Amino acid sequence: LYFFLSNLDPRPDYTLSVNKSSKTISVKVDSGDLVYVRWCYEKKSGHCSGGQPQTTHRSAVLSIPHLLPCVCVEMYYTYTDASRHKKCPFRNESLF
């Protein structure tokens, strides 16, 4: 007998809103669960670096020093080794 569990390591869902003039990204957590959220620079390997995580359960505003195609937002639950959900709002966009 085999069981397939697709939700062994869930990732939080969230929405983003970008304000280019103030260099901020507003983040809204869909579930209202306690999560970490941070901006980061995505490297060629796909991993992110930079930005200090903030704890939130509803929303957060992230200030970004530079609007670059490699800027992403990562969100993940507060337990150890939680899967990270990354969105990169500028990846396919011309910023100039």
PDB file of N, CA and C in Angstrom:
ATOM      1  N   LEU A   1       0.841  -1.172   0.000  1.00  0.00           N
ATOM      2  CA  LEU A   1       0.000   0.000   0.000  1.00  0.00           C
ATOM      3  C   LEU A   1       0.891   1.241   0.000  1.00  0.00           C
ATOM      4  N   TYR A   2       0.678   2.149  -0.946  1.00  0.00           N
ATOM      5  CA  TYR A   2       1.473   3.365  -1.074  1.00  0.00           C
ATOM      6  C   TYR A   2       0.574   4.591  -0.975  1.00  0.00           C
ATOM      7  N   PHE A   3       1.104   5.613  -0.347  1.00  0.00           N
ATOM      8  CA  PHE A   3       0.396   6.885  -0.249  1.00  0.00           C
ATOM      9  C   PHE A   3       1.262   7.965  -0.866  1.00  0.00           C
ATOM     10  N   PHE A   4       0.642   8.831  -1.620  1.00  0.00           N
ATOM     11  CA  PHE A   4       1.348   9.964  -2.180  1.00  0.00           C
ATOM     12  C   PHE A   4       0.818  11.222  -1.504  1.00  0.00           C
ATOM     13  N   LEU A   5       1.686  11.923  -0.801  1.00  0.00           N
ATOM     14  CA  LEU A   5       1.295  13.144  -0.110  1.00  0.00           C
ATOM     15  C   LEU A   5       1.933  14.323  -0.831  1.00  0.00           C
ATOM     16  N   SER A   6       1.122  15.128  -1.489  1.00  0.00           N
ATOM     17  CA  SER A   6       1.654  16.226  -2.289  1.00  0.00           C
ATOM     18  C   SER A   6       1.951  17.475  -1.469  1.00  0.00           C
ATOM     19  N   ASN A   7       1.439  17.562  -0.261  1.00  0.00           N
ATOM     20  CA  ASN A   7       1.621  18.768   0.535  1.00  0.00           C
ATOM     21  C   ASN A   7       2.546  18.543   1.724  1.00  0.00           C
ATOM     22  N   LEU A   8       3.600  17.755   1.550  1.00  0.00           N
ATOM     23  CA  LEU A   8       4.513  17.484   2.643  1.00  0.00           C
ATOM     24  C   LEU A   8       5.261  18.735   3.085  1.00  0.00           C
ATOM     25  N   ASP A   9       5.574  19.594   2.159  1.00  0.00           N
ATOM     26  CA  ASP A   9       6.308  20.811   2.486  1.00  0.00           C
ATOM     27  C   ASP A   9       5.627  21.996   1.795  1.00  0.00           C
ATOM     28  N   PRO A  10       4.555  22.495   2.372  1.00  0.00           N
ATOM     29  CA  PRO A  10       3.784  23.567   1.717  1.00  0.00           C
ATOM     30  C   PRO A  10       4.556  24.881   1.679  1.00  0.00           C
ATOM     31  N   ARG A  11       4.216  25.693   0.703  1.00  0.00           N
ATOM     32  CA  ARG A  11       4.785  27.033   0.569  1.00  0.00           C
ATOM     33  C   ARG A  11       3.647  28.034   0.682  1.00  0.00           C
ATOM     34  N   PRO A  12       3.864  29.155   1.366  1.00  0.00           N
ATOM     35  CA  PRO A  12       2.793  30.142   1.496  1.00  0.00           C
ATOM     36  C   PRO A  12       2.506  30.844   0.171  1.00  0.00           C
ATOM     37  N   ASP A  13       1.235  31.139  -0.064  1.00  0.00           N
ATOM     38  CA  ASP A  13       0.845  31.919  -1.233  1.00  0.00           C
ATOM     39  C   ASP A  13       0.787  33.386  -0.840  1.00  0.00           C
ATOM     40  N   TYR A  14       1.154  34.245  -1.787  1.00  0.00           N
ATOM     41  CA  TYR A  14       1.138  35.669  -1.510  1.00  0.00           C
ATOM     42  C   TYR A  14       1.027  36.463  -2.804  1.00  0.00           C
ATOM     43  N   THR A  15       0.640  37.725  -2.664  1.00  0.00           N
ATOM     44  CA  THR A  15       0.549  38.620  -3.805  1.00  0.00           C
ATOM     45  C   THR A  15       1.501  39.795  -3.596  1.00  0.00           C
ATOM     46  N   LEU A  16       1.944  40.357  -4.712  1.00  0.00           N
ATOM     47  CA  LEU A  16       2.891  41.478  -4.690  1.00  0.00           C
ATOM     48  C   LEU A  16       2.289  42.693  -5.375  1.00  0.00           C
ATOM     49  N   SER A  17       2.700  43.853  -4.916  1.00  0.00           N
ATOM     50  CA  SER A  17       2.360  45.110  -5.564  1.00  0.00           C
ATOM     51  C   SER A  17       3.623  45.975  -5.538  1.00  0.00           C
ATOM     52  N   VAL A  18       4.078  46.410  -6.704  1.00  0.00           N
ATOM     53  CA  VAL A  18       5.331  47.152  -6.824  1.00  0.00           C
ATOM     54  C   VAL A  18       5.058  48.647  -6.974  1.00  0.00           C
ATOM     55  N   ASN A  19       5.791  49.458  -6.230  1.00  0.00           N
ATOM     56  CA  ASN A  19       5.763  50.911  -6.383  1.00  0.00           C
ATOM     57  C   ASN A  19       7.179  51.335  -6.781  1.00  0.00           C
ATOM     58  N   LYS A  20       7.383  51.544  -8.074  1.00  0.00           N
ATOM     59  CA  LYS A  20       8.731  51.858  -8.579  1.00  0.00           C
ATOM     60  C   LYS A  20       9.237  53.197  -8.078  1.00  0.00           C
ATOM     61  N   SER A  21       8.367  54.188  -7.937  1.00  0.00           N
ATOM     62  CA  SER A  21       8.834  55.514  -7.532  1.00  0.00           C
ATOM     63  C   SER A  21       9.376  55.525  -6.101  1.00  0.00           C
ATOM     64  N   SER A  22       8.793  54.723  -5.214  1.00  0.00           N
ATOM     65  CA  SER A  22       9.294  54.662  -3.831  1.00  0.00           C
ATOM     66  C   SER A  22      10.232  53.479  -3.597  1.00  0.00           C
ATOM     67  N   LYS A  23      10.457  52.668  -4.644  1.00  0.00           N
ATOM     68  CA  LYS A  23      11.304  51.471  -4.560  1.00  0.00           C
ATOM     69  C   LYS A  23      10.843  50.550  -3.434  1.00  0.00           C
ATOM     70  N   THR A  24       9.546  50.241  -3.440  1.00  0.00           N
ATOM     71  CA  THR A  24       8.992  49.340  -2.434  1.00  0.00           C
ATOM     72  C   THR A  24       8.147  48.260  -3.103  1.00  0.00           C
ATOM     73  N   ILE A  25       8.057  47.145  -2.401  1.00  0.00           N
ATOM     74  CA  ILE A  25       7.163  46.061  -2.800  1.00  0.00           C
ATOM     75  C   ILE A  25       6.267  45.759  -1.616  1.00  0.00           C
ATOM     76  N   SER A  26       4.965  45.862  -1.828  1.00  0.00           N
ATOM     77  CA  SER A  26       3.987  45.493  -0.801  1.00  0.00           C
ATOM     78  C   SER A  26       3.635  44.030  -0.992  1.00  0.00           C
ATOM     79  N   VAL A  27       3.652  43.287   0.102  1.00  0.00           N
ATOM     80  CA  VAL A  27       3.409  41.853   0.070  1.00  0.00           C
ATOM     81  C   VAL A  27       2.206  41.543   0.954  1.00  0.00           C
ATOM     82  N   LYS A  28       1.280  40.746   0.432  1.00  0.00           N
ATOM     83  CA  LYS A  28       0.107  40.339   1.204  1.00  0.00           C
ATOM     84  C   LYS A  28       0.080  38.818   1.285  1.00  0.00           C
ATOM     85  N   VAL A  29       0.023  38.296   2.506  1.00  0.00           N
ATOM     86  CA  VAL A  29      -0.026  36.844   2.738  1.00  0.00           C
ATOM     87  C   VAL A  29      -1.465  36.384   2.548  1.00  0.00           C
ATOM     88  N   ASP A  30      -1.685  35.395   1.670  1.00  0.00           N
ATOM     89  CA  ASP A  30      -3.040  34.944   1.398  1.00  0.00           C
ATOM     90  C   ASP A  30      -3.683  34.225   2.575  1.00  0.00           C
ATOM     91  N   SER A  31      -2.916  33.434   3.304  1.00  0.00           N
ATOM     92  CA  SER A  31      -3.492  32.592   4.356  1.00  0.00           C
ATOM     93  C   SER A  31      -3.587  33.272   5.709  1.00  0.00           C
ATOM     94  N   GLY A  32      -2.777  34.289   5.951  1.00  0.00           N
ATOM     95  CA  GLY A  32      -2.736  34.920   7.263  1.00  0.00           C
ATOM     96  C   GLY A  32      -1.869  34.177   8.257  1.00  0.00           C
ATOM     97  N   ASP A  33      -1.159  33.137   7.798  1.00  0.00           N
ATOM     98  CA  ASP A  33      -0.248  32.388   8.675  1.00  0.00           C
ATOM     99  C   ASP A  33       1.020  33.198   8.918  1.00  0.00           C
ATOM    100  N   LEU A  34       1.714  32.907  10.014  1.00  0.00           N
ATOM    101  CA  LEU A  34       2.965  33.576  10.342  1.00  0.00           C
ATOM    102  C   LEU A  34       4.058  33.097   9.379  1.00  0.00           C
ATOM    103  N   VAL A  35       4.730  34.043   8.716  1.00  0.00           N
ATOM    104  CA  VAL A  35       5.753  33.723   7.721  1.00  0.00           C
ATOM    105  C   VAL A  35       6.915  34.696   7.831  1.00  0.00           C
ATOM    106  N   TYR A  36       8.021  34.321   7.199  1.00  0.00           N
ATOM    107  CA  TYR A  36       9.134  35.233   6.961  1.00  0.00           C
ATOM    108  C   TYR A  36       9.013  35.724   5.521  1.00  0.00           C
ATOM    109  N   VAL A  37       9.358  36.989   5.302  1.00  0.00           N
ATOM    110  CA  VAL A  37       9.377  37.538   3.949  1.00  0.00           C
ATOM    111  C   VAL A  37      10.601  38.437   3.834  1.00  0.00           C
ATOM    112  N   ARG A  38      11.245  38.417   2.661  1.00  0.00           N
ATOM    113  CA  ARG A  38      12.410  39.256   2.430  1.00  0.00           C
ATOM    114  C   ARG A  38      12.581  39.491   0.936  1.00  0.00           C
ATOM    115  N   TRP A  39      13.253  40.603   0.598  1.00  0.00           N
ATOM    116  CA  TRP A  39      13.692  40.799  -0.774  1.00  0.00           C
ATOM    117  C   TRP A  39      15.084  40.187  -0.877  1.00  0.00           C
ATOM    118  N   CYS A  40      15.484  39.836  -2.095  1.00  0.00           N
ATOM    119  CA  CYS A  40      16.811  39.251  -2.285  1.00  0.00           C
ATOM    120  C   CYS A  40      17.241  39.436  -3.729  1.00  0.00           C
ATOM    121  N   TYR A  41      18.519  39.219  -3.979  1.00  0.00           N
ATOM    122  CA  TYR A  41      19.068  39.219  -5.332  1.00  0.00           C
ATOM    123  C   TYR A  41      19.238  37.765  -5.762  1.00  0.00           C
ATOM    124  N   GLU A  42      18.594  37.403  -6.865  1.00  0.00           N
ATOM    125  CA  GLU A  42      18.705  36.033  -7.370  1.00  0.00           C
ATOM    126  C   GLU A  42      20.011  35.886  -8.142  1.00  0.00           C
ATOM    127  N   LYS A  43      20.758  34.853  -7.804  1.00  0.00           N
ATOM    128  CA  LYS A  43      22.017  34.564  -8.484  1.00  0.00           C
ATOM    129  C   LYS A  43      21.775  33.610  -9.647  1.00  0.00           C
ATOM    130  N   LYS A  44      22.785  33.397 -10.471  1.00  0.00           N
ATOM    131  CA  LYS A  44      22.658  32.486 -11.611  1.00  0.00           C
ATOM    132  C   LYS A  44      22.252  31.086 -11.182  1.00  0.00           C
ATOM    133  N   SER A  45      22.654  30.682  -9.993  1.00  0.00           N
ATOM    134  CA  SER A  45      22.329  29.349  -9.487  1.00  0.00           C
ATOM    135  C   SER A  45      20.857  29.219  -9.096  1.00  0.00           C
ATOM    136  N   GLY A  46      20.150  30.357  -9.036  1.00  0.00           N
ATOM    137  CA  GLY A  46      18.755  30.346  -8.616  1.00  0.00           C
ATOM    138  C   GLY A  46      18.571  30.644  -7.143  1.00  0.00           C
ATOM    139  N   HIS A  47      19.666  30.644  -6.388  1.00  0.00           N
ATOM    140  CA  HIS A  47      19.600  30.959  -4.962  1.00  0.00           C
ATOM    141  C   HIS A  47      19.568  32.470  -4.765  1.00  0.00           C
ATOM    142  N   CYS A  48      19.039  32.882  -3.642  1.00  0.00           N
ATOM    143  CA  CYS A  48      18.928  34.304  -3.329  1.00  0.00           C
ATOM    144  C   CYS A  48      19.863  34.691  -2.199  1.00  0.00           C
ATOM    145  N   SER A  49      20.323  35.952  -2.251  1.00  0.00           N
ATOM    146  CA  SER A  49      21.127  36.478  -1.150  1.00  0.00           C
ATOM    147  C   SER A  49      20.743  37.936  -0.915  1.00  0.00           C
ATOM    148  N   GLY A  50      20.988  38.399   0.302  1.00  0.00           N
ATOM    149  CA  GLY A  50      20.674  39.775   0.654  1.00  0.00           C
ATOM    150  C   GLY A  50      19.316  39.898   1.304  1.00  0.00           C
ATOM    151  N   GLY A  51      19.085  41.035   1.906  1.00  0.00           N
ATOM    152  CA  GLY A  51      17.800  41.302   2.531  1.00  0.00           C
ATOM    153  C   GLY A  51      17.593  40.516   3.811  1.00  0.00           C
ATOM    154  N   GLN A  52      17.167  41.203   4.859  1.00  0.00           N
ATOM    155  CA  GLN A  52      16.900  40.551   6.147  1.00  0.00           C
ATOM    156  C   GLN A  52      15.429  40.152   6.220  1.00  0.00           C
ATOM    157  N   PRO A  53      15.133  38.932   6.669  1.00  0.00           N
ATOM    158  CA  PRO A  53      13.736  38.500   6.768  1.00  0.00           C
ATOM    159  C   PRO A  53      12.956  39.305   7.805  1.00  0.00           C
ATOM    160  N   GLN A  54      11.703  39.560   7.477  1.00  0.00           N
ATOM    161  CA  GLN A  54      10.751  40.166   8.404  1.00  0.00           C
ATOM    162  C   GLN A  54       9.695  39.116   8.717  1.00  0.00           C
ATOM    163  N   THR A  55       9.170  39.143   9.919  1.00  0.00           N
ATOM    164  CA  THR A  55       8.090  38.237  10.285  1.00  0.00           C
ATOM    165  C   THR A  55       6.763  38.970  10.123  1.00  0.00           C
ATOM    166  N   THR A  56       5.811  38.312   9.470  1.00  0.00           N
ATOM    167  CA  THR A  56       4.490  38.892   9.296  1.00  0.00           C
ATOM    168  C   THR A  56       3.453  37.788   9.171  1.00  0.00           C
ATOM    169  N   HIS A  57       2.193  38.138   9.359  1.00  0.00           N
ATOM    170  CA  HIS A  57       1.123  37.170   9.122  1.00  0.00           C
ATOM    171  C   HIS A  57       0.035  37.777   8.243  1.00  0.00           C
ATOM    172  N   ARG A  58       0.166  39.016   7.870  1.00  0.00           N
ATOM    173  CA  ARG A  58      -0.818  39.659   6.997  1.00  0.00           C
ATOM    174  C   ARG A  58      -0.163  40.346   5.799  1.00  0.00           C
ATOM    175  N   SER A  59       0.694  41.347   6.094  1.00  0.00           N
ATOM    176  CA  SER A  59       1.297  42.108   5.008  1.00  0.00           C
ATOM    177  C   SER A  59       2.608  42.741   5.465  1.00  0.00           C
ATOM    178  N   ALA A  60       3.385  43.167   4.476  1.00  0.00           N
ATOM    179  CA  ALA A  60       4.658  43.837   4.754  1.00  0.00           C
ATOM    180  C   ALA A  60       4.993  44.726   3.569  1.00  0.00           C
ATOM    181  N   VAL A  61       5.774  45.758   3.833  1.00  0.00           N
ATOM    182  CA  VAL A  61       6.298  46.623   2.776  1.00  0.00           C
ATOM    183  C   VAL A  61       7.813  46.501   2.814  1.00  0.00           C
ATOM    184  N   LEU A  62       8.380  46.077   1.697  1.00  0.00           N
ATOM    185  CA  LEU A  62       9.823  45.865   1.593  1.00  0.00           C
ATOM    186  C   LEU A  62      10.448  47.008   0.812  1.00  0.00           C
ATOM    187  N   SER A  63      11.438  47.668   1.386  1.00  0.00           N
ATOM    188  CA  SER A  63      12.186  48.724   0.694  1.00  0.00           C
ATOM    189  C   SER A  63      13.366  48.094  -0.020  1.00  0.00           C
ATOM    190  N   ILE A  64      13.505  48.417  -1.303  1.00  0.00           N
ATOM    191  CA  ILE A  64      14.528  47.810  -2.140  1.00  0.00           C
ATOM    192  C   ILE A  64      15.533  48.880  -2.544  1.00  0.00           C
ATOM    193  N   PRO A  65      16.836  48.646  -2.349  1.00  0.00           N
ATOM    194  CA  PRO A  65      17.813  49.672  -2.693  1.00  0.00           C
ATOM    195  C   PRO A  65      17.932  49.933  -4.199  1.00  0.00           C
ATOM    196  N   HIS A  66      17.782  48.894  -5.023  1.00  0.00           N
ATOM    197  CA  HIS A  66      17.941  49.036  -6.472  1.00  0.00           C
ATOM    198  C   HIS A  66      16.886  48.184  -7.177  1.00  0.00           C
ATOM    199  N   LEU A  67      16.239  48.758  -8.181  1.00  0.00           N
ATOM    200  CA  LEU A  67      15.287  48.001  -8.990  1.00  0.00           C
ATOM    201  C   LEU A  67      16.050  47.316 -10.114  1.00  0.00           C
ATOM    202  N   LEU A  68      16.307  46.045  -9.945  1.00  0.00           N
ATOM    203  CA  LEU A  68      17.073  45.257 -10.907  1.00  0.00           C
ATOM    204  C   LEU A  68      16.287  44.015 -11.301  1.00  0.00           C
ATOM    205  N   PRO A  69      16.540  43.475 -12.486  1.00  0.00           N
ATOM    206  CA  PRO A  69      15.837  42.262 -12.900  1.00  0.00           C
ATOM    207  C   PRO A  69      16.058  41.071 -11.969  1.00  0.00           C
ATOM    208  N   CYS A  70      17.153  41.085 -11.197  1.00  0.00           N
ATOM    209  CA  CYS A  70      17.453  39.961 -10.305  1.00  0.00           C
ATOM    210  C   CYS A  70      16.819  40.106  -8.920  1.00  0.00           C
ATOM    211  N   VAL A  71      16.071  41.188  -8.668  1.00  0.00           N
ATOM    212  CA  VAL A  71      15.414  41.366  -7.374  1.00  0.00           C
ATOM    213  C   VAL A  71      14.199  40.446  -7.291  1.00  0.00           C
ATOM    214  N   CYS A  72      14.134  39.690  -6.204  1.00  0.00           N
ATOM    215  CA  CYS A  72      13.028  38.770  -5.969  1.00  0.00           C
ATOM    216  C   CYS A  72      12.502  38.955  -4.550  1.00  0.00           C
ATOM    217  N   VAL A  73      11.363  38.352  -4.293  1.00  0.00           N
ATOM    218  CA  VAL A  73      10.790  38.298  -2.952  1.00  0.00           C
ATOM    219  C   VAL A  73      10.663  36.832  -2.581  1.00  0.00           C
ATOM    220  N   GLU A  74      11.142  36.471  -1.403  1.00  0.00           N
ATOM    221  CA  GLU A  74      11.005  35.107  -0.883  1.00  0.00           C
ATOM    222  C   GLU A  74      10.096  35.128   0.329  1.00  0.00           C
ATOM    223  N   MET A  75       9.206  34.152   0.385  1.00  0.00           N
ATOM    224  CA  MET A  75       8.349  33.987   1.556  1.00  0.00           C
ATOM    225  C   MET A  75       8.391  32.522   1.965  1.00  0.00           C
ATOM    226  N   TYR A  76       8.437  32.298   3.294  1.00  0.00           N
ATOM    227  CA  TYR A  76       8.470  30.927   3.782  1.00  0.00           C
ATOM    228  C   TYR A  76       7.955  30.887   5.215  1.00  0.00           C
ATOM    229  N   TYR A  77       7.442  29.708   5.597  1.00  0.00           N
ATOM    230  CA  TYR A  77       6.928  29.536   6.946  1.00  0.00           C
ATOM    231  C   TYR A  77       8.065  29.601   7.959  1.00  0.00           C
ATOM    232  N   THR A  78       7.743  29.838   9.216  1.00  0.00           N
ATOM    233  CA  THR A  78       8.747  30.090  10.247  1.00  0.00           C
ATOM    234  C   THR A  78       9.380  28.834  10.829  1.00  0.00           C
ATOM    235  N   TYR A  79       8.942  27.655  10.421  1.00  0.00           N
ATOM    236  CA  TYR A  79       9.566  26.451  10.964  1.00  0.00           C
ATOM    237  C   TYR A  79      10.874  26.140  10.231  1.00  0.00           C
ATOM    238  N   THR A  80      11.738  25.376  10.854  1.00  0.00           N
ATOM    239  CA  THR A  80      13.058  25.046  10.327  1.00  0.00           C
ATOM    240  C   THR A  80      12.958  24.328   8.985  1.00  0.00           C
ATOM    241  N   ASP A  81      13.793  24.746   8.033  1.00  0.00           N
ATOM    242  CA  ASP A  81      13.900  24.148   6.700  1.00  0.00           C
ATOM    243  C   ASP A  81      12.618  24.227   5.880  1.00  0.00           C
ATOM    244  N   ALA A  82      11.821  25.252   6.085  1.00  0.00           N
ATOM    245  CA  ALA A  82      10.598  25.430   5.298  1.00  0.00           C
ATOM    246  C   ALA A  82      10.952  25.743   3.840  1.00  0.00           C
ATOM    247  N   SER A  83      10.144  25.245   2.906  1.00  0.00           N
ATOM    248  CA  SER A  83      10.330  25.561   1.488  1.00  0.00           C
ATOM    249  C   SER A  83      10.058  27.037   1.248  1.00  0.00           C
ATOM    250  N   ARG A  84      10.847  27.624   0.378  1.00  0.00           N
ATOM    251  CA  ARG A  84      10.706  29.044   0.078  1.00  0.00           C
ATOM    252  C   ARG A  84       9.953  29.243  -1.225  1.00  0.00           C
ATOM    253  N   HIS A  85       9.062  30.217  -1.218  1.00  0.00           N
ATOM    254  CA  HIS A  85       8.289  30.567  -2.403  1.00  0.00           C
ATOM    255  C   HIS A  85       8.832  31.895  -2.911  1.00  0.00           C
ATOM    256  N   LYS A  86       9.421  31.878  -4.094  1.00  0.00           N
ATOM    257  CA  LYS A  86      10.108  33.050  -4.638  1.00  0.00           C
ATOM    258  C   LYS A  86       9.349  33.594  -5.839  1.00  0.00           C
ATOM    259  N   LYS A  87       9.202  34.929  -5.875  1.00  0.00           N
ATOM    260  CA  LYS A  87       8.642  35.620  -7.030  1.00  0.00           C
ATOM    261  C   LYS A  87       9.594  36.748  -7.405  1.00  0.00           C
ATOM    262  N   CYS A  88       9.815  36.903  -8.710  1.00  0.00           N
ATOM    263  CA  CYS A  88      10.748  37.912  -9.208  1.00  0.00           C
ATOM    264  C   CYS A  88       9.993  38.863 -10.137  1.00  0.00           C
ATOM    265  N   PRO A  89       9.453  39.960  -9.586  1.00  0.00           N
ATOM    266  CA  PRO A  89       8.562  40.820 -10.369  1.00  0.00           C
ATOM    267  C   PRO A  89       9.228  41.583 -11.508  1.00  0.00           C
ATOM    268  N   PHE A  90      10.540  41.722 -11.509  1.00  0.00           N
ATOM    269  CA  PHE A  90      11.228  42.495 -12.547  1.00  0.00           C
ATOM    270  C   PHE A  90      11.972  41.619 -13.557  1.00  0.00           C
ATOM    271  N   ARG A  91      11.878  40.328 -13.434  1.00  0.00           N
ATOM    272  CA  ARG A  91      12.690  39.402 -14.236  1.00  0.00           C
ATOM    273  C   ARG A  91      12.533  39.653 -15.737  1.00  0.00           C
ATOM    274  N   ASN A  92      11.326  39.781 -16.236  1.00  0.00           N
ATOM    275  CA  ASN A  92      11.093  39.913 -17.680  1.00  0.00           C
ATOM    276  C   ASN A  92      10.621  41.316 -18.051  1.00  0.00           C
ATOM    277  N   GLU A  93      11.072  42.300 -17.285  1.00  0.00           N
ATOM    278  CA  GLU A  93      10.578  43.656 -17.473  1.00  0.00           C
ATOM    279  C   GLU A  93      11.738  44.611 -17.743  1.00  0.00           C
ATOM    280  N   SER A  94      11.521  45.552 -18.641  1.00  0.00           N
ATOM    281  CA  SER A  94      12.504  46.606 -18.874  1.00  0.00           C
ATOM    282  C   SER A  94      12.303  47.677 -17.803  1.00  0.00           C
ATOM    283  N   LEU A  95      13.341  47.971 -17.041  1.00  0.00           N
ATOM    284  CA  LEU A  95      13.228  48.907 -15.935  1.00  0.00           C
ATOM    285  C   LEU A  95      13.692  50.312 -16.297  1.00  0.00           C
ATOM    286  N   PHE A  96      14.186  50.498 -17.503  1.00  0.00           N
ATOM    287  CA  PHE A  96      14.708  51.827 -17.877  1.00  0.00           C
ATOM    288  C   PHE A  96      13.922  52.424 -19.005  1.00  0.00           C
TER     289      PHE A  96
END
